[in-house]
Amino acid sequence: MNGMAPGELDSARLRRDLSLLLRRRLTLYAGIGAAGFTVLLSVLAATTAPGRATPPATTPAAADPTANPEQQPLQQQPSFVLPVQAPQNGSSGGPVAISGGS
């Protein structure tokens, strides 16, 4: 800095300030672009969710339960109730405390 004239020092400061301003603008534009791209992808993902893209062409005919009384109707949805099993070791099924470690 000792060898620089006052005009050169002002020029260097001006270049530095303009460079920082350019970087600030680029950072702002990149952030706005990333937010817009995120919104675009989320809208695209929400509108193309599996099972919602196209409605079924024809609806299947309902089975007549009186036509074949021996045939059980099929369940359309899985059951969320799990069957209860008796304990295999013959104990009463009470809580068991396990300790260990050091």
C-alpha atoms as a PDB file:
ATOM      1  CA  MET A   1       0.000   0.000   0.000  1.00  0.00           C
ATOM      2  CA  ASN A   2       2.961   2.290   0.482  1.00  0.00           C
ATOM      3  CA  GLY A   3       3.733   2.422  -3.256  1.00  0.00           C
ATOM      4  CA  MET A   4       0.177   3.154  -4.394  1.00  0.00           C
ATOM      5  CA  ALA A   5      -0.932   6.605  -5.392  1.00  0.00           C
ATOM      6  CA  PRO A   6      -4.239   7.968  -4.029  1.00  0.00           C
ATOM      7  CA  GLY A   7      -5.945   7.502  -7.395  1.00  0.00           C
ATOM      8  CA  GLU A   8      -4.879   3.853  -7.618  1.00  0.00           C
ATOM      9  CA  LEU A   9      -6.124   3.179  -4.106  1.00  0.00           C
ATOM     10  CA  ASP A  10      -9.551   4.623  -4.947  1.00  0.00           C
ATOM     11  CA  SER A  11      -9.660   2.555  -8.122  1.00  0.00           C
ATOM     12  CA  ALA A  12      -8.864  -0.648  -6.199  1.00  0.00           C
ATOM     13  CA  ARG A  13     -11.558   0.121  -3.631  1.00  0.00           C
ATOM     14  CA  LEU A  14     -14.084   0.814  -6.387  1.00  0.00           C
ATOM     15  CA  ARG A  15     -13.288  -2.505  -8.121  1.00  0.00           C
ATOM     16  CA  ARG A  16     -13.607  -4.334  -4.793  1.00  0.00           C
ATOM     17  CA  ASP A  17     -16.956  -2.687  -4.021  1.00  0.00           C
ATOM     18  CA  LEU A  18     -18.328  -3.449  -7.506  1.00  0.00           C
ATOM     19  CA  SER A  19     -17.158  -7.060  -7.221  1.00  0.00           C
ATOM     20  CA  LEU A  20     -18.868  -7.466  -3.841  1.00  0.00           C
ATOM     21  CA  LEU A  21     -22.049  -5.918  -5.235  1.00  0.00           C
ATOM     22  CA  LEU A  22     -21.989  -8.335  -8.184  1.00  0.00           C
ATOM     23  CA  ARG A  23     -21.496 -11.325  -5.858  1.00  0.00           C
ATOM     24  CA  ARG A  24     -24.357 -10.153  -3.635  1.00  0.00           C
ATOM     25  CA  ARG A  25     -26.687  -9.893  -6.646  1.00  0.00           C
ATOM     26  CA  LEU A  26     -25.644 -13.293  -7.979  1.00  0.00           C
ATOM     27  CA  THR A  27     -26.263 -14.849  -4.567  1.00  0.00           C
ATOM     28  CA  LEU A  28     -29.696 -13.243  -4.371  1.00  0.00           C
ATOM     29  CA  TYR A  29     -30.654 -14.378  -7.886  1.00  0.00           C
ATOM     30  CA  ALA A  30     -29.405 -17.919  -7.186  1.00  0.00           C
ATOM     31  CA  GLY A  31     -31.503 -18.073  -4.004  1.00  0.00           C
ATOM     32  CA  ILE A  32     -34.617 -16.844  -5.794  1.00  0.00           C
ATOM     33  CA  GLY A  33     -34.006 -19.328  -8.614  1.00  0.00           C
ATOM     34  CA  ALA A  34     -33.535 -22.234  -6.187  1.00  0.00           C
ATOM     35  CA  ALA A  35     -36.738 -21.343  -4.326  1.00  0.00           C
ATOM     36  CA  GLY A  36     -38.669 -21.113  -7.600  1.00  0.00           C
ATOM     37  CA  PHE A  37     -37.271 -24.441  -8.796  1.00  0.00           C
ATOM     38  CA  THR A  38     -38.257 -26.052  -5.480  1.00  0.00           C
ATOM     39  CA  VAL A  39     -41.811 -24.741  -5.813  1.00  0.00           C
ATOM     40  CA  LEU A  40     -41.982 -25.983  -9.409  1.00  0.00           C
ATOM     41  CA  LEU A  41     -40.812 -29.472  -8.433  1.00  0.00           C
ATOM     42  CA  SER A  42     -43.203 -29.688  -5.475  1.00  0.00           C
ATOM     43  CA  VAL A  43     -46.172 -28.706  -7.649  1.00  0.00           C
ATOM     44  CA  LEU A  44     -45.108 -31.228 -10.279  1.00  0.00           C
ATOM     45  CA  ALA A  45     -44.765 -33.967  -7.652  1.00  0.00           C
ATOM     46  CA  ALA A  46     -48.123 -33.145  -6.084  1.00  0.00           C
ATOM     47  CA  THR A  47     -49.981 -33.298  -9.373  1.00  0.00           C
ATOM     48  CA  THR A  48     -48.407 -36.566 -10.535  1.00  0.00           C
ATOM     49  CA  ALA A  49     -48.856 -38.645  -7.375  1.00  0.00           C
ATOM     50  CA  PRO A  50     -49.287 -42.392  -8.037  1.00  0.00           C
ATOM     51  CA  GLY A  51     -52.913 -43.425  -8.331  1.00  0.00           C
ATOM     52  CA  ARG A  52     -54.100 -39.953  -9.219  1.00  0.00           C
ATOM     53  CA  ALA A  53     -52.732 -39.542 -12.725  1.00  0.00           C
ATOM     54  CA  THR A  54     -55.732 -40.919 -14.630  1.00  0.00           C
ATOM     55  CA  PRO A  55     -59.132 -42.200 -13.501  1.00  0.00           C
ATOM     56  CA  PRO A  56     -59.935 -45.853 -14.230  1.00  0.00           C
ATOM     57  CA  ALA A  57     -61.487 -46.457 -17.643  1.00  0.00           C
ATOM     58  CA  THR A  58     -64.190 -48.825 -16.392  1.00  0.00           C
ATOM     59  CA  THR A  59     -65.375 -49.746 -12.938  1.00  0.00           C
ATOM     60  CA  PRO A  60     -65.444 -53.459 -12.136  1.00  0.00           C
ATOM     61  CA  ALA A  61     -68.900 -54.936 -11.648  1.00  0.00           C
ATOM     62  CA  ALA A  62     -69.793 -55.733  -8.054  1.00  0.00           C
ATOM     63  CA  ALA A  63     -69.921 -59.438  -7.299  1.00  0.00           C
ATOM     64  CA  ASP A  64     -73.392 -60.732  -6.520  1.00  0.00           C
ATOM     65  CA  PRO A  65     -73.157 -62.496  -3.142  1.00  0.00           C
ATOM     66  CA  THR A  66     -76.354 -64.460  -3.818  1.00  0.00           C
ATOM     67  CA  ALA A  67     -75.071 -65.991  -7.059  1.00  0.00           C
ATOM     68  CA  ASN A  68     -72.569 -68.302  -5.334  1.00  0.00           C
ATOM     69  CA  PRO A  69     -73.141 -68.511  -1.564  1.00  0.00           C
ATOM     70  CA  GLU A  70     -70.048 -70.725  -1.009  1.00  0.00           C
ATOM     71  CA  GLN A  71     -67.657 -68.105  -2.359  1.00  0.00           C
ATOM     72  CA  GLN A  72     -66.485 -65.551   0.187  1.00  0.00           C
ATOM     73  CA  PRO A  73     -66.170 -61.955  -1.013  1.00  0.00           C
ATOM     74  CA  LEU A  74     -62.613 -60.716  -1.367  1.00  0.00           C
ATOM     75  CA  GLN A  75     -61.374 -58.078   1.008  1.00  0.00           C
ATOM     76  CA  GLN A  76     -60.400 -54.962  -0.865  1.00  0.00           C
ATOM     77  CA  GLN A  77     -58.342 -53.342   1.886  1.00  0.00           C
ATOM     78  CA  PRO A  78     -55.741 -54.926   4.157  1.00  0.00           C
ATOM     79  CA  SER A  79     -56.562 -55.332   7.803  1.00  0.00           C
ATOM     80  CA  PHE A  80     -54.518 -53.338  10.277  1.00  0.00           C
ATOM     81  CA  VAL A  81     -55.401 -55.632  13.184  1.00  0.00           C
ATOM     82  CA  LEU A  82     -52.662 -58.149  13.927  1.00  0.00           C
ATOM     83  CA  PRO A  83     -53.649 -61.573  15.243  1.00  0.00           C
ATOM     84  CA  VAL A  84     -52.799 -62.218  18.878  1.00  0.00           C
ATOM     85  CA  GLN A  85     -50.556 -65.201  19.555  1.00  0.00           C
ATOM     86  CA  ALA A  86     -50.204 -67.052  22.836  1.00  0.00           C
ATOM     87  CA  PRO A  87     -46.703 -67.066  24.352  1.00  0.00           C
ATOM     88  CA  GLN A  88     -44.623 -69.976  23.056  1.00  0.00           C
ATOM     89  CA  ASN A  89     -42.601 -70.608  26.207  1.00  0.00           C
ATOM     90  CA  GLY A  90     -45.572 -71.493  28.425  1.00  0.00           C
ATOM     91  CA  SER A  91     -45.175 -68.513  30.737  1.00  0.00           C
ATOM     92  CA  SER A  92     -48.080 -66.357  31.807  1.00  0.00           C
ATOM     93  CA  GLY A  93     -47.070 -63.633  29.374  1.00  0.00           C
ATOM     94  CA  GLY A  94     -46.239 -61.089  32.058  1.00  0.00           C
ATOM     95  CA  PRO A  95     -43.561 -58.467  31.617  1.00  0.00           C
ATOM     96  CA  VAL A  96     -39.977 -59.636  31.709  1.00  0.00           C
ATOM     97  CA  ALA A  97     -37.204 -57.447  33.125  1.00  0.00           C
ATOM     98  CA  ILE A  98     -33.834 -57.813  31.467  1.00  0.00           C
ATOM     99  CA  SER A  99     -30.778 -56.283  33.031  1.00  0.00           C
ATOM    100  CA  GLY A 100     -27.233 -56.313  31.899  1.00  0.00           C
ATOM    101  CA  GLY A 101     -24.390 -54.223  30.753  1.00  0.00           C
ATOM    102  CA  SER A 102     -21.724 -52.667  32.837  1.00  0.00           C
END
